[in-house]
Every structure is written in C-alpha cells, then in structure tokens.
Amino acid sequence: MVNKVTINSKLLTLASKNYNIFVKNNAEMAKKPSVPKGTRDFNAEEVSKRNYIIDCIKTQFERYGFQPIETPSFENSETLMGKYGDEGDRLIFKILNSGAYLKKVSDDIYTSRDENKLTPIISEKALRYDLTVPFARYVVQHQNDIDFPFKRYQIQPVWRADRPQKGRFREFYQCDADVVGSDSLWQEVEFVQLYDAVFTALQLKGVTIKINNRKILSGIAEVIGAEDRLIDFTVALDKLDKIGEEKVKQEMLDKGIPSSSLEKLNPLFNISGSFAEQINQLKTILSSSSIGLTGVDELEFINAAITDLKLQSAVLQLDVTLARGLNYYTGAIFEVAPPEHITMGSIGGGGRYDDLTGIFGLKGVSGVGVSFGLDRIYLVLEELNLFPDSVNASTHVLFINFGDKEALYALKAIQQLRAKGIKAELYPEASKLKKQFGYADKRNIPFTIIVGEEELRSNTYSLKNMSSGEQLKLNLAEVIDQLAII
C-alpha cells in the first residue's frame, strides 16, 4: 500500500515544478520587447517627415528625367559578394538557407570552421548592401527591354552589418539616381546640379559637394610606385578625415606600401586653395601619369561647366583624398557633406563605374550615379529645424461623437469633406466631451465639429477652433470654405 505522505510529497514537488515553469514562462513573456540594434520604429510624425524628404527628392529625380524601378530586398549572394571590397563584403548580412541547411556541409568543412568554405553552402542569399549593384544586375537581366541611355531612380531600404552609432544604422533607406549607357561628362555635371536642386528644395543651405576622380587616385598610386596596391591605398586614404594623416600612413605601411612611397605622398596632403588652384597643383604632381592627367582633365571640365551654370545653394569642392573605398568607381567620385557646423557624416555620395555591368556579362556599358542618405538628411533637417510646420499636420477636423444618430449625420459630412481633400475623422465612441476634446489636443487637430440635437434640427455644424476657442455655427458649404484655407 502506497504511503499517503509519500503521494502528497510527490504532488507538492510536481506542483512546485509546474509553478516554477509557469513563473519562468511568464517572466519571459513579460520581458520588454525591443528592436535589433541599428534599426528603429518610426511614429506618425517621423514617417511624415521622412515622406517629406522622399517627396522632395522624388520630385527632383523626375524633373531630371529619371524613371522609378524597384528590386528585391535580398539578392543571390554571388550577385553582391566581391563587389564592395573586403571591408564591404564583411558588412553584408547573409541569410541562412531554409530547412536543414547544415546537412549539405561535410564534416571536414564543418570542423574546419573555414568561413570562406562554409558560408556559400549554408547561405545562398543576402540582404542588399546598396542599390547600385542590384541596379547593375537589373540592367544586365533586362537589357533587351531597356532604352539606353537609361536613367533610373530607386528609393528603398538597404542593410549593413555595421556598428551602430549616430547617423549610422544597420537598416536605412537610400535614394539613388543612375544613368547607364553614356560616358558623357555632362551626366556628372547634371548630378552636381541635381544635388544642388534637392538640397535647395529642402532649404538646406551650406552643403558641400566634394568631388574627386578615381583616375587621379590611380595616377597618385602610379607616381609613388604603389599601383599594385591601389585598393589598399584608396581604402586607407578614404579614412583621412576620420583617423588623420599619421594613422592613414601607418595603415598603408601595414598593407605593404613601402615608406619610400609614402614620402612621395606629402605633396598630396599639402594641396590647398581654390578648385582651379588645386587642379594646377595636381597637374604638376601627376605630370608623369597619363591616367592621372586624364582624371584632372575630367574634373576641370566639370568645374568649368558648373562655374558657368552656377549652383543655387551648394558649393562644389575638390577633395583629392576622397576615395569612398568602393572598388567599382572608375571616374568621378562624389561625397556630400552637411553644413560645417553640423557634426554628421556624409549625406550623399556616388560616382562613375564604367565597368560595373561587365561583372554580370554586359561589357562596354558606362554608368554614373549618386545616392542621398535619407536618414542622415532627416537628422540634419531636424537639428536645424528646417521641417515645415505643414509636415506635421494630420487630421484637419475631428467630429465629436454624441451618439449613433449624430455620428451618421457627421459621417455624411465627413464623406464630402474628404472628397474635397480635407482630412476629417469621427471620434469612434460617444465618450465624455472632455476626453474627446483632449484627444484632439494631444493629436494637434486644429478644429473640432460638434453635432448635437440643435445642429441636427437646423442642418448645421458647430466648428470650434481648438487654438482660439472660437466657435461658429455653419452650414456644410461654409465649413468646407473655412477648412479649405488650412
């Protein structure tokens, strides 16, 4: 016979275990949710402000003749890998294959922990790093349906496994415009104008459009005897404004560029003066390099055109250390800096990539493009208080709910207001007036409309200005006239 004490003891132990499991599960469920580092949620006001920037950019893109396209958020890994240099490749988010992805991995590869061998087997796709390489893939894939030169714009999110910090996110939007099928330098001239037009439309004055040429960087590498280390040279040089001259030189030394070559770099770090004066200094430094002088001639052409055409609010500046560290640039390189008193990285960039489509099998198609950094532009406009008040405007008028009969009467009016382009809504419940008016205040809705028994009888509406407190009794046509002027 089983001892009752033993049974009770076992039941208590089981109950205790179940209770502990219950507490643990509830604790896990109660854990505060969060988003991954480097990503963000956006509230209604933030979305409205972002849409304002996007609309300004999109308007200028279309004025300059660019057509919209979209590409998938992820690509085949082979499309992206090897296109951005070693540093760029490390920042690409890889997507694990679905299902039992480890079954295809041999024991030898698994135990070796060799990322170069393991990654292609377990991850065949990746989130796009930028919009330019997917665009090149698009051009090659759809070349028979495209009329060249092809001008496209694209506004979509991209992802980078970077270290999050101010103005640098792991998920962010790029706003790109590119032209493929033309090697004319007038395209570069137009892109400088496009940058200027967008930032003028956003009322962002004092922006600097920095420009360099990859041919100049190749020429410098040739002059100092480091042409076989061009990529290492440009990647290090691109960090000059972040880590300084001495650390840049040390990185070059670490990459195998001899100290004798670095000594020849000193004139480059000392270049100064106006655009034209820097051009003349470059002609001297690069006198023995034909490719370097070609780059100088291209920059001289662009500057002469812009000087004649004039910019509205931006400034074009030559920066001979600008490299941007991306392997696919072959000509002009752009980078846009915010006004000097703003602590922020670049808010735009781009350049020419004569042979980018060649990596996908389409030779001889020259391209050039620029990108706008939506998230950083947002932060700059916010810091300078440059968003118009109208951007935050949501609903123009809220109808106060007194009950079903009044609500139906209100909705008939709301239909007509919306048809006239006026943003109107009905408070969903017949709550206390204080609560409904408080709701309007919290959402910064400028007007409310009261519809009670008296208004129903007289077929009118009591329009209240939430700021001044003024209240008018109007018919529907008069309400529309009053609200249309907002």
Protein backbone atom coordinates (compact mmCIF):
# COMPACT_ATOMS: atom_id res chain seq x y z
CA MET A 1 0.00 0.00 0.00
CA VAL A 2 1.32 3.45 -1.04
CA ASN A 3 2.02 5.85 1.77
CA LYS A 4 -0.27 8.94 1.60
CA VAL A 5 2.52 11.12 2.90
CA THR A 6 4.73 9.98 0.01
CA ILE A 7 1.97 10.72 -2.53
CA ASN A 8 1.34 14.18 -1.08
CA SER A 9 5.07 14.87 -1.12
CA LYS A 10 5.30 13.92 -4.81
CA LEU A 11 2.25 16.03 -5.64
CA LEU A 12 3.75 19.02 -3.86
CA THR A 13 7.05 18.55 -5.70
CA LEU A 14 5.22 18.33 -9.06
CA ALA A 15 3.11 21.39 -8.24
CA SER A 16 6.24 23.29 -7.27
CA LYS A 17 7.94 22.39 -10.55
CA ASN A 18 4.87 23.41 -12.55
CA TYR A 19 4.69 26.69 -10.65
CA ASN A 20 8.36 27.43 -11.34
CA ILE A 21 7.82 26.69 -15.04
CA PHE A 22 4.76 28.96 -15.02
CA VAL A 23 6.72 31.80 -13.37
CA LYS A 24 9.64 31.38 -15.77
CA ASN A 25 7.40 31.37 -18.85
CA ASN A 26 5.50 34.43 -17.67
CA ALA A 27 8.77 36.22 -16.92
CA GLU A 28 9.96 35.51 -20.45
CA MET A 29 6.65 36.67 -21.86
CA ALA A 30 6.80 39.83 -19.76
CA LYS A 31 10.29 40.69 -20.98
CA LYS A 32 10.26 44.10 -22.60
CA PRO A 33 10.29 43.75 -26.41
CA SER A 34 12.92 45.57 -28.44
CA VAL A 35 14.17 46.04 -31.99
CA PRO A 36 17.62 44.90 -33.19
CA LYS A 37 20.44 47.39 -32.68
CA GLY A 38 20.81 49.69 -35.64
CA THR A 39 17.10 49.57 -36.54
CA ARG A 40 14.25 51.84 -35.49
CA ASP A 41 10.49 52.23 -35.23
CA PHE A 42 9.00 55.41 -36.71
CA ASN A 43 5.96 57.19 -35.29
CA ALA A 44 3.44 59.11 -37.42
CA GLU A 45 5.33 62.41 -37.19
CA GLU A 46 8.64 60.80 -38.15
CA VAL A 47 7.07 58.99 -41.09
CA SER A 48 5.53 62.27 -42.30
CA LYS A 49 8.91 64.00 -42.11
CA ARG A 50 10.64 61.16 -43.94
CA ASN A 51 7.96 61.24 -46.63
CA TYR A 52 8.52 64.98 -46.99
CA ILE A 53 12.20 64.37 -47.75
CA ILE A 54 11.40 61.49 -50.11
CA ASP A 55 8.83 63.60 -51.97
CA CYS A 56 11.34 66.44 -52.42
CA ILE A 57 13.97 64.03 -53.75
CA LYS A 58 11.49 62.17 -55.95
CA THR A 59 10.21 65.43 -57.46
CA GLN A 60 13.72 66.45 -58.50
CA PHE A 61 14.55 62.96 -59.79
CA GLU A 62 11.56 63.09 -62.11
CA ARG A 63 12.30 66.65 -63.23
CA TYR A 64 15.70 65.43 -64.33
CA GLY A 65 14.16 62.60 -66.35
CA PHE A 66 14.78 59.61 -64.07
CA GLN A 67 12.30 56.70 -64.07
CA PRO A 68 11.43 54.61 -60.98
CA ILE A 69 12.29 50.91 -60.56
CA GLU A 70 12.38 48.53 -57.59
CA THR A 71 14.44 45.41 -56.90
CA PRO A 72 14.09 42.64 -54.25
CA SER A 73 15.27 43.28 -50.69
CA PHE A 74 17.63 40.29 -50.99
CA GLU A 75 19.77 39.01 -53.84
CA ASN A 76 21.71 35.88 -54.61
CA SER A 77 24.95 36.09 -52.60
CA GLU A 78 27.05 35.79 -55.74
CA THR A 79 25.41 39.00 -57.03
CA LEU A 80 26.67 41.01 -54.05
CA MET A 81 29.86 39.36 -52.80
CA GLY A 82 33.14 40.66 -54.18
CA LYS A 83 31.66 43.95 -55.40
CA TYR A 84 32.46 46.19 -52.43
CA GLY A 85 35.97 45.17 -51.42
CA ASP A 86 36.89 43.11 -48.37
CA GLU A 87 35.54 45.66 -45.89
CA GLY A 88 32.23 45.96 -47.71
CA ASP A 89 31.83 42.20 -48.03
CA ARG A 90 32.16 41.83 -44.26
CA LEU A 91 29.21 44.19 -43.78
CA ILE A 92 26.80 42.18 -45.93
CA PHE A 93 24.00 40.47 -43.98
CA LYS A 94 23.90 36.80 -45.03
CA ILE A 95 20.61 34.86 -44.99
CA LEU A 96 20.71 31.25 -43.81
CA ASN A 97 19.20 28.75 -46.21
CA SER A 98 15.81 27.47 -45.10
CA GLY A 99 15.37 23.97 -43.73
CA ALA A 100 18.22 21.72 -42.59
CA TYR A 101 20.94 23.92 -44.03
CA LEU A 102 23.75 22.05 -42.22
CA LYS A 103 23.02 18.73 -43.94
CA LYS A 104 24.90 19.84 -47.06
CA VAL A 105 28.02 20.65 -45.03
CA SER A 106 30.66 17.92 -44.98
CA ASP A 107 32.29 17.01 -41.70
CA ASP A 108 35.64 18.29 -42.92
CA ILE A 109 34.30 21.77 -43.74
CA TYR A 110 32.21 21.91 -40.56
CA THR A 111 35.13 21.06 -38.27
CA SER A 112 37.50 23.37 -40.16
CA ARG A 113 35.34 26.43 -39.26
CA ASP A 114 36.52 27.94 -42.58
CA GLU A 115 34.04 30.77 -43.24
CA ASN A 116 35.02 31.06 -46.91
CA LYS A 117 34.04 27.43 -47.49
CA LEU A 118 31.15 27.18 -45.06
CA THR A 119 29.22 30.38 -45.83
CA PRO A 120 28.44 29.67 -49.54
CA ILE A 121 26.99 26.28 -48.58
CA ILE A 122 24.66 27.43 -45.80
CA SER A 123 23.83 30.91 -47.16
CA GLU A 124 22.96 31.39 -50.82
CA LYS A 125 21.22 34.77 -50.42
CA ALA A 126 21.97 38.09 -48.74
CA LEU A 127 20.27 41.39 -47.94
CA ARG A 128 21.27 44.09 -50.40
CA TYR A 129 24.16 46.29 -49.26
CA ASP A 130 23.28 49.15 -51.59
CA LEU A 131 21.10 49.84 -54.63
CA THR A 132 23.85 50.21 -57.25
CA VAL A 133 24.96 46.59 -57.64
CA PRO A 134 21.34 45.31 -57.76
CA PHE A 135 20.72 48.00 -60.40
CA ALA A 136 23.64 46.72 -62.45
CA ARG A 137 22.18 43.23 -62.20
CA TYR A 138 18.80 44.62 -63.26
CA VAL A 139 20.30 46.31 -66.32
CA VAL A 140 22.03 43.13 -67.47
CA GLN A 141 18.98 40.97 -66.84
CA HIS A 142 16.58 43.34 -68.64
CA GLN A 143 18.94 44.79 -71.25
CA ASN A 144 16.68 43.85 -74.16
CA ASP A 145 13.79 45.84 -72.67
CA ILE A 146 15.79 48.98 -71.80
CA ASP A 147 16.31 52.06 -73.98
CA PHE A 148 19.84 53.39 -73.48
CA PRO A 149 20.94 55.71 -72.02
CA PHE A 150 18.71 54.52 -69.18
CA LYS A 151 18.01 56.91 -66.31
CA ARG A 152 16.52 55.28 -63.23
CA TYR A 153 15.82 56.25 -59.65
CA GLN A 154 15.22 53.90 -56.75
CA ILE A 155 14.16 54.63 -53.15
CA GLN A 156 14.34 51.51 -50.99
CA PRO A 157 15.95 50.24 -47.75
CA VAL A 158 19.40 48.63 -47.61
CA TRP A 159 21.17 46.73 -44.83
CA ARG A 160 24.73 46.75 -43.49
CA ALA A 161 26.16 44.78 -40.56
CA ASP A 162 27.91 47.90 -39.30
CA ARG A 163 28.50 49.13 -35.75
CA PRO A 164 25.50 51.39 -34.93
CA GLN A 165 26.27 54.98 -33.98
CA LYS A 166 24.86 58.46 -34.57
CA GLY A 167 23.84 58.74 -38.20
CA ARG A 168 24.92 55.15 -38.94
CA PHE A 169 22.30 52.42 -38.95
CA ARG A 170 22.08 48.77 -39.94
CA GLU A 171 18.85 49.34 -41.81
CA PHE A 172 18.39 52.56 -43.73
CA TYR A 173 16.97 53.99 -46.92
CA GLN A 174 18.96 55.00 -49.97
CA CYS A 175 17.60 57.31 -52.63
CA ASP A 176 19.59 56.61 -55.80
CA ALA A 177 19.65 58.03 -59.30
CA ASP A 178 21.81 56.48 -62.04
CA VAL A 179 22.42 56.77 -65.77
CA VAL A 180 23.82 53.83 -67.75
CA GLY A 181 24.73 53.76 -71.42
CA SER A 182 26.54 57.09 -71.67
CA ASP A 183 30.13 58.09 -70.89
CA SER A 184 29.44 61.80 -71.37
CA LEU A 185 30.77 64.05 -68.62
CA TRP A 186 27.61 66.13 -68.92
CA GLN A 187 26.00 63.45 -66.79
CA GLU A 188 28.39 64.30 -63.94
CA VAL A 189 27.57 67.97 -64.41
CA GLU A 190 23.84 67.21 -64.13
CA PHE A 191 24.35 65.15 -60.97
CA VAL A 192 26.08 68.10 -59.31
CA GLN A 193 23.08 70.21 -60.31
CA LEU A 194 20.71 67.51 -59.03
CA TYR A 195 22.35 67.51 -55.60
CA ASP A 196 22.08 71.28 -55.51
CA ALA A 197 18.41 71.20 -56.59
CA VAL A 198 17.39 68.70 -53.91
CA PHE A 199 19.11 70.46 -51.03
CA THR A 200 17.80 73.82 -52.22
CA ALA A 201 14.27 72.37 -52.23
CA LEU A 202 14.85 71.15 -48.66
CA GLN A 203 16.07 74.66 -47.66
CA LEU A 204 19.37 73.11 -46.58
CA LYS A 205 21.99 75.73 -47.35
CA GLY A 206 25.76 75.44 -46.97
CA VAL A 207 26.05 71.89 -48.30
CA THR A 208 29.42 70.95 -49.82
CA ILE A 209 29.56 68.64 -52.83
CA LYS A 210 33.02 67.08 -52.68
CA ILE A 211 34.40 65.61 -55.88
CA ASN A 212 37.46 63.60 -56.89
CA ASN A 213 38.32 61.17 -59.66
CA ARG A 214 39.41 57.55 -59.38
CA LYS A 215 41.85 58.12 -62.25
CA ILE A 216 43.62 60.72 -60.10
CA LEU A 217 43.94 58.18 -57.29
CA SER A 218 45.29 55.63 -59.77
CA GLY A 219 47.73 58.26 -61.01
CA ILE A 220 48.92 59.05 -57.48
CA ALA A 221 49.41 55.34 -56.76
CA GLU A 222 51.39 55.08 -60.01
CA VAL A 223 53.57 58.10 -59.20
CA ILE A 224 54.50 56.77 -55.74
CA GLY A 225 55.09 53.26 -57.09
CA ALA A 226 52.11 51.62 -55.37
CA GLU A 227 49.90 50.84 -58.37
CA ASP A 228 49.85 47.17 -57.40
CA ARG A 229 48.38 48.23 -54.03
CA LEU A 230 45.70 50.56 -55.40
CA ILE A 231 42.83 49.09 -53.38
CA ASP A 232 44.78 49.14 -50.09
CA PHE A 233 45.91 52.67 -50.93
CA THR A 234 42.41 54.03 -51.60
CA VAL A 235 40.78 52.26 -48.64
CA ALA A 236 43.33 53.79 -46.28
CA LEU A 237 43.23 57.23 -47.92
CA ASP A 238 39.44 57.34 -47.62
CA LYS A 239 39.84 57.34 -43.81
CA LEU A 240 41.92 60.52 -43.74
CA ASP A 241 39.20 62.76 -42.29
CA LYS A 242 38.34 60.13 -39.65
CA ILE A 243 41.73 58.97 -38.35
CA GLY A 244 44.22 61.59 -39.58
CA GLU A 245 47.33 61.60 -41.76
CA GLU A 246 49.66 59.64 -39.48
CA LYS A 247 47.26 56.73 -38.95
CA VAL A 248 46.47 56.62 -42.67
CA LYS A 249 50.18 56.31 -43.42
CA GLN A 250 50.56 53.62 -40.76
CA GLU A 251 47.70 51.63 -42.30
CA MET A 252 49.37 51.90 -45.69
CA LEU A 253 52.62 50.65 -44.19
CA ASP A 254 50.74 47.74 -42.60
CA LYS A 255 49.30 46.88 -46.02
CA GLY A 256 52.78 46.62 -47.50
CA ILE A 257 53.18 50.04 -49.11
CA PRO A 258 56.86 50.99 -48.53
CA SER A 259 57.84 54.09 -46.56
CA SER A 260 59.70 55.43 -49.61
CA SER A 261 56.38 55.58 -51.43
CA LEU A 262 54.67 57.34 -48.53
CA GLU A 263 57.29 60.09 -48.57
CA LYS A 264 56.17 60.91 -52.12
CA LEU A 265 52.63 61.39 -50.79
CA ASN A 266 53.49 64.52 -48.80
CA PRO A 267 52.66 66.97 -51.65
CA LEU A 268 49.20 65.39 -51.85
CA PHE A 269 48.44 66.15 -48.19
CA ASN A 270 49.54 69.76 -48.69
CA ILE A 271 47.30 70.60 -51.67
CA SER A 272 45.14 73.64 -50.90
CA GLY A 273 43.43 76.65 -52.45
CA SER A 274 40.51 77.03 -54.83
CA PHE A 275 39.30 74.31 -57.17
CA ALA A 276 41.32 75.75 -60.05
CA GLU A 277 44.45 76.15 -57.89
CA GLN A 278 44.26 72.53 -56.72
CA ILE A 279 43.84 71.40 -60.33
CA ASN A 280 47.08 73.20 -61.28
CA GLN A 281 48.93 71.58 -58.35
CA LEU A 282 47.66 68.15 -59.41
CA LYS A 283 48.90 68.70 -62.95
CA THR A 284 52.40 69.13 -61.52
CA ILE A 285 52.20 66.16 -59.14
CA LEU A 286 50.78 63.86 -61.83
CA SER A 287 52.84 65.11 -64.77
CA SER A 288 54.31 61.63 -65.32
CA SER A 289 50.97 59.78 -65.17
CA SER A 290 48.72 59.81 -68.24
CA ILE A 291 45.77 58.25 -66.40
CA GLY A 292 46.16 60.78 -63.57
CA LEU A 293 46.15 63.69 -66.02
CA THR A 294 43.03 62.28 -67.69
CA GLY A 295 41.29 62.43 -64.33
CA VAL A 296 42.45 66.02 -63.84
CA ASP A 297 41.05 66.98 -67.27
CA GLU A 298 37.67 65.42 -66.41
CA LEU A 299 37.42 67.35 -63.15
CA GLU A 300 38.46 70.56 -64.89
CA PHE A 301 35.64 70.07 -67.42
CA ILE A 302 33.03 69.51 -64.70
CA ASN A 303 34.17 72.50 -62.67
CA ALA A 304 34.20 74.81 -65.70
CA ALA A 305 30.62 73.82 -66.57
CA ILE A 306 29.36 74.27 -63.02
CA THR A 307 31.13 77.62 -62.70
CA ASP A 308 29.30 78.80 -65.82
CA LEU A 309 25.91 77.28 -64.87
CA LYS A 310 26.18 78.30 -61.19
CA LEU A 311 24.71 76.47 -58.20
CA GLN A 312 21.80 77.75 -56.11
CA SER A 313 22.90 76.93 -52.56
CA ALA A 314 25.59 74.22 -52.57
CA VAL A 315 29.34 74.53 -53.11
CA LEU A 316 31.46 72.27 -55.36
CA GLN A 317 34.81 71.44 -53.75
CA LEU A 318 37.75 69.34 -54.96
CA ASP A 319 38.96 66.81 -52.39
CA VAL A 320 41.96 64.88 -53.71
CA THR A 321 41.86 62.45 -50.77
CA LEU A 322 38.26 61.42 -51.40
CA ALA A 323 38.20 57.71 -52.30
CA ARG A 324 34.98 56.24 -50.81
CA GLY A 325 36.72 52.86 -50.69
CA LEU A 326 34.49 51.12 -53.24
CA ASN A 327 36.15 49.08 -55.97
CA TYR A 328 33.67 49.77 -58.74
CA TYR A 329 34.30 53.52 -59.17
CA THR A 330 36.37 54.33 -62.25
CA GLY A 331 35.90 58.07 -62.79
CA ALA A 332 34.32 60.91 -60.83
CA ILE A 333 33.65 60.30 -57.12
CA PHE A 334 31.10 62.36 -55.17
CA GLU A 335 30.50 62.85 -51.47
CA VAL A 336 28.16 65.41 -49.94
CA ALA A 337 28.90 66.99 -46.56
CA PRO A 338 26.31 68.86 -44.44
CA PRO A 339 26.91 72.48 -43.35
CA GLU A 340 30.21 72.83 -41.47
CA HIS A 341 28.66 73.43 -38.04
CA ILE A 342 26.76 70.12 -38.19
CA THR A 343 28.53 67.07 -36.73
CA MET A 344 27.46 64.39 -39.18
CA GLY A 345 29.00 62.11 -41.78
CA SER A 346 28.28 62.37 -45.49
CA ILE A 347 24.64 62.84 -46.53
CA GLY A 348 25.18 61.69 -50.10
CA GLY A 349 27.71 60.09 -52.40
CA GLY A 350 28.30 58.34 -55.69
CA GLY A 351 30.45 58.26 -58.79
CA ARG A 352 31.14 56.75 -62.21
CA TYR A 353 31.50 52.99 -62.68
CA ASP A 354 32.42 52.29 -66.30
CA ASP A 355 32.68 48.52 -65.99
CA LEU A 356 30.20 47.58 -63.24
CA THR A 357 27.80 45.77 -65.58
CA GLY A 358 30.77 43.90 -67.04
CA ILE A 359 30.92 41.73 -63.92
CA PHE A 360 27.49 40.42 -64.92
CA GLY A 361 28.43 39.81 -68.55
CA LEU A 362 27.43 43.11 -70.19
CA LYS A 363 30.58 44.85 -71.42
CA GLY A 364 31.03 48.40 -72.60
CA VAL A 365 28.16 49.99 -70.66
CA SER A 366 29.28 53.06 -68.77
CA GLY A 367 27.34 54.28 -65.76
CA VAL A 368 27.32 57.06 -63.20
CA GLY A 369 25.06 57.61 -60.21
CA VAL A 370 24.53 59.33 -56.89
CA SER A 371 22.77 58.47 -53.63
CA PHE A 372 21.04 60.56 -50.97
CA GLY A 373 21.28 59.43 -47.34
CA LEU A 374 17.67 59.82 -46.20
CA ASP A 375 18.27 59.08 -42.51
CA ARG A 376 21.18 61.48 -42.14
CA ILE A 377 19.38 64.19 -44.10
CA TYR A 378 16.48 63.75 -41.67
CA LEU A 379 18.78 64.25 -38.65
CA VAL A 380 20.32 67.37 -40.21
CA LEU A 381 16.94 68.93 -41.03
CA GLU A 382 15.73 68.11 -37.52
CA GLU A 383 18.78 69.69 -35.89
CA LEU A 384 18.39 72.84 -38.00
CA ASN A 385 14.60 72.96 -37.51
CA LEU A 386 14.03 73.01 -41.28
CA PHE A 387 10.91 70.85 -41.47
CA PRO A 388 7.87 72.98 -42.46
CA ASP A 389 5.04 73.11 -39.92
CA SER A 390 2.69 71.66 -42.53
CA VAL A 391 4.64 68.39 -42.48
CA ASN A 392 3.24 67.54 -39.05
CA ALA A 393 -0.35 68.34 -39.97
CA SER A 394 -2.52 65.25 -39.76
CA THR A 395 -6.28 65.42 -39.37
CA HIS A 396 -7.77 68.89 -40.01
CA VAL A 397 -11.01 68.36 -38.15
CA LEU A 398 -12.39 65.88 -35.63
CA PHE A 399 -16.16 65.36 -35.36
CA ILE A 400 -17.27 64.93 -31.76
CA ASN A 401 -19.41 61.82 -31.23
CA PHE A 402 -22.70 62.30 -29.33
CA GLY A 403 -24.35 59.03 -30.35
CA ASP A 404 -25.34 56.89 -33.32
CA LYS A 405 -27.80 59.36 -34.87
CA GLU A 406 -25.32 62.24 -34.67
CA ALA A 407 -22.46 60.01 -35.83
CA LEU A 408 -24.31 59.02 -39.00
CA TYR A 409 -25.06 62.70 -39.71
CA ALA A 410 -21.37 63.51 -39.13
CA LEU A 411 -20.12 60.74 -41.42
CA LYS A 412 -22.23 62.04 -44.30
CA ALA A 413 -20.48 65.40 -43.90
CA ILE A 414 -17.09 63.71 -43.50
CA GLN A 415 -17.61 61.98 -46.85
CA GLN A 416 -17.96 65.33 -48.57
CA LEU A 417 -15.04 66.89 -46.70
CA ARG A 418 -12.75 64.04 -47.71
CA ALA A 419 -13.91 64.36 -51.32
CA LYS A 420 -12.67 67.97 -51.17
CA GLY A 421 -9.27 66.84 -49.90
CA ILE A 422 -9.90 67.83 -46.28
CA LYS A 423 -8.61 65.38 -43.66
CA ALA A 424 -11.53 64.60 -41.38
CA GLU A 425 -12.48 61.86 -38.94
CA LEU A 426 -15.11 60.90 -36.39
CA TYR A 427 -14.24 60.06 -32.80
CA PRO A 428 -15.29 56.39 -32.68
CA GLU A 429 -17.19 56.40 -29.36
CA ALA A 430 -19.70 58.66 -27.63
CA SER A 431 -17.30 59.32 -24.77
CA LYS A 432 -17.28 62.30 -22.40
CA LEU A 433 -16.65 65.62 -24.16
CA LYS A 434 -13.53 66.28 -22.08
CA LYS A 435 -12.00 63.04 -23.31
CA GLN A 436 -12.82 63.75 -26.95
CA PHE A 437 -11.51 67.32 -26.86
CA GLY A 438 -8.39 66.08 -25.04
CA TYR A 439 -7.83 63.57 -27.81
CA ALA A 440 -7.96 66.38 -30.38
CA ASP A 441 -5.47 68.42 -28.33
CA LYS A 442 -3.00 65.56 -27.98
CA ARG A 443 -3.05 64.95 -31.73
CA ASN A 444 -2.78 68.67 -32.54
CA ILE A 445 -6.02 68.60 -34.53
CA PRO A 446 -6.78 72.31 -35.14
CA PHE A 447 -10.60 72.08 -35.41
CA THR A 448 -13.45 70.06 -33.94
CA ILE A 449 -17.07 69.93 -35.06
CA ILE A 450 -19.94 69.49 -32.63
CA VAL A 451 -23.17 67.95 -33.87
CA GLY A 452 -25.93 67.82 -31.28
CA GLU A 453 -29.73 67.95 -31.31
CA GLU A 454 -29.78 71.64 -32.26
CA GLU A 455 -27.38 71.13 -35.18
CA LEU A 456 -29.43 68.18 -36.42
CA ARG A 457 -32.61 70.27 -36.41
CA SER A 458 -31.02 73.24 -38.21
CA ASN A 459 -28.84 71.14 -40.56
CA THR A 460 -25.74 72.97 -39.32
CA TYR A 461 -22.38 72.24 -37.70
CA SER A 462 -20.62 73.97 -34.80
CA LEU A 463 -17.00 74.46 -35.87
CA LYS A 464 -14.58 75.08 -32.99
CA ASN A 465 -11.05 76.47 -33.37
CA MET A 466 -9.08 74.46 -30.78
CA SER A 467 -6.40 77.14 -30.51
CA SER A 468 -8.51 80.27 -30.04
CA GLY A 469 -11.64 78.62 -28.66
CA GLU A 470 -13.78 80.50 -31.21
CA GLN A 471 -16.92 78.59 -32.25
CA LEU A 472 -19.03 79.20 -35.36
CA LYS A 473 -22.34 77.65 -36.44
CA LEU A 474 -22.11 76.99 -40.18
CA ASN A 475 -23.74 75.00 -42.94
CA LEU A 476 -21.67 72.36 -44.72
CA ALA A 477 -20.61 74.61 -47.61
CA GLU A 478 -19.35 77.20 -45.13
CA VAL A 479 -17.49 74.51 -43.15
CA ILE A 480 -15.75 73.40 -46.34
CA ASP A 481 -14.76 77.00 -47.15
CA GLN A 482 -13.34 77.52 -43.64
CA LEU A 483 -11.34 74.27 -43.61
CA ALA A 484 -10.11 74.56 -47.21
CA ILE A 485 -7.89 77.52 -46.27
CA ILE A 486 -5.81 75.47 -43.81
